[in-house]
Amino acid sequence: MTSPKPPKSPKPPKSPKSPSKTARTRSAKYVAATACALAAAVLLPLTPASATPAPGPVAGSGSYTTKTLYSPQQNPRTYQRAPRGYTPVFTENVSRHGARAASSGADGELLLTAWRQARSEGALTRTGERLGPEVTALLDAMAKVGYGNLSGRGVRDTAETARRLRQREPELFRRIAEEKKPIEVITSGQGRAIDTGTAFTDALTAAQPDLAPLVQPSRPDPDLLYFHKSAGGAAYRDYIAGDQRLAATLAKIKNQDRTRRAARSVLEKIFTPAFVRRVDAGEFGFAENAVPLAEAVYGLYSIAPAMSDEGTWHMDRYIAPADAAWFAYLDDAETFYEAGPGFRGADITYRMAAPLLADLFARIDAERAGKGGPGAVFRFTHAEEVIPLAALMKLPGSTEQAAEKAPYTYANNGWRGAKVAPMGANIQWDLFRKDGKDGKDGRNDKDGKGSGKDKGQGKGEKAGGGATFLVRMLYNEKETAFKAGCRPIAKGSYFYDADELARCFKSDLASGLTSGLASVK
């Protein structure tokens, strides 16, 4: 029986010929949307309800890989206190841009081509009848935001991250304001990173207006924050384009029977079985088989939560959870080999992050030396930079490489894009200082697991006296230990002597390489 035809939908908007150019242009509509989102974020109290605003998808739910919405990973009430006598004097971060629109309309346009063909043949399912209008509306919403640009949800999440930072460190930001220390903002130069930096500092200064004159104009540094496409990433790009081992491994992973089965399963929610068989046989010119169309469904499914401020989307109705999980695995596998830990014994995917790691240390050293630099340095970049940095630093989830004969799977490796680099992912280092003359004041008794006392206390002074410095790292706002071999000031503490960190990362900083990543068993 021929399915009833839904109302004729308008043609989808064309994706811009130059997404990067579009991303660099902030339209008046976008600025207005940003202002509204920021105002809402600033006025809302910092509560669990405002941390994950409604309506909208819950951050972290679903199979969205690196398009997972941002969510802070620790209750701030559970953070360890700095050892007695230490005060915060500096903070810096490396942050991925916030939630964004898709980089182009290609997925939606491919689906609409197939959908129109099926509609003309009466080959749509009842669920499939809804796809065309919904995809058209989603494409229209993304075109209005600007393909690749920060969405309303991205603005809100970024603003809330900035507000939580100030609430964690009120003493630091009072000091910055009193001493009139500049706040430095560095970006990749790409539109969504620039807009994320603006949203972040706008929220910060709205919460504490006396910081506004101290925020420096953002400056681009693509060599530091867009290195996968800068001159320093030439060898990496050669690896992506021509490494036979990489190509063979990804093909082996993707070309499993499970992929074709999952693809047909996805399409049978939308099209009749007979039409799906014809698609899978390559009868139509728009796809060689069912996989590209199913990947397009997954692509829109994964980006839709980022567009929750622009509309209500139900892309999950077109893909079963098990099929979404499979396509998420394929996406994670590609990212793992192209930007993450990668093959055992190789460092091509992450060694180019060494200058960024070196810059983190250089800012700490400058503050320790009293050079009168900024009170805060905020860097805004992309997943292609955060993921290699996480692997170089051996952050949790980024410590295991894959043996060539045992390709990456969810069963044999803990790396997940949703955990390593969701939208808005951030790595933050806080520097604490204590002034002393006898080198003894920093030796406090440890309170390992108290709820309201100083936690993680230990040896923080040098044996000769003078000011001493401790560093704490937060990864997606969760207290995080530095890599194995770095010794905290006390067992269970997240505070590290700055000299100890320099020692621990000496080889990484000297050579730009890292070694010893655990191998898959």
Foldseek 3Di string as FASTA:
>chain_A
DFDDADPDADDADFADPDLQVQLQDQDPVNVVLLVVLLVVLLPDDPDPCLQQDPDFDGFPDALQFQQGAAHFDDDLLQAFDDFPQKAFQAKEKEWAFFAAAAQGLVLLNLLLVLLVVQNVVSWWDPLQSPSNNQSRLSSVLRVVQGRPAQASSRLNNLLNVLVVVCVSHVVLVVVCLVVVFAEAEEEQSGNRLLVSSVSNVVSNCVNPVSNVVRYDRYYYDNLQFVVCPDPNNPVLVCCVVPPPLLVVLLCVLCPDPVQQVQLLVLCVLTTPNVSQVCQQCCVDPSHNHSNSSSVSLLVCVNSVSSNVVSHDHDSCSRHDSVSNNSVSFSVQLNCCCSAALHEAPDLSNALSNLVNVVVVLVVVVCVVVVVSHGRYYYYYHHPSNQRSVCLLQVFPQRQEYEYSVGGDDVVQGSHTSSQRNHRTKMKMKIKIKGAWQQQPPQADDADDRDSPDRHPGARFGDRGGGMWMKMWMATSHHTTATDPPQDDRHPNDRIGTSVSVCVSCVVCNVPSDDDDRHYGD
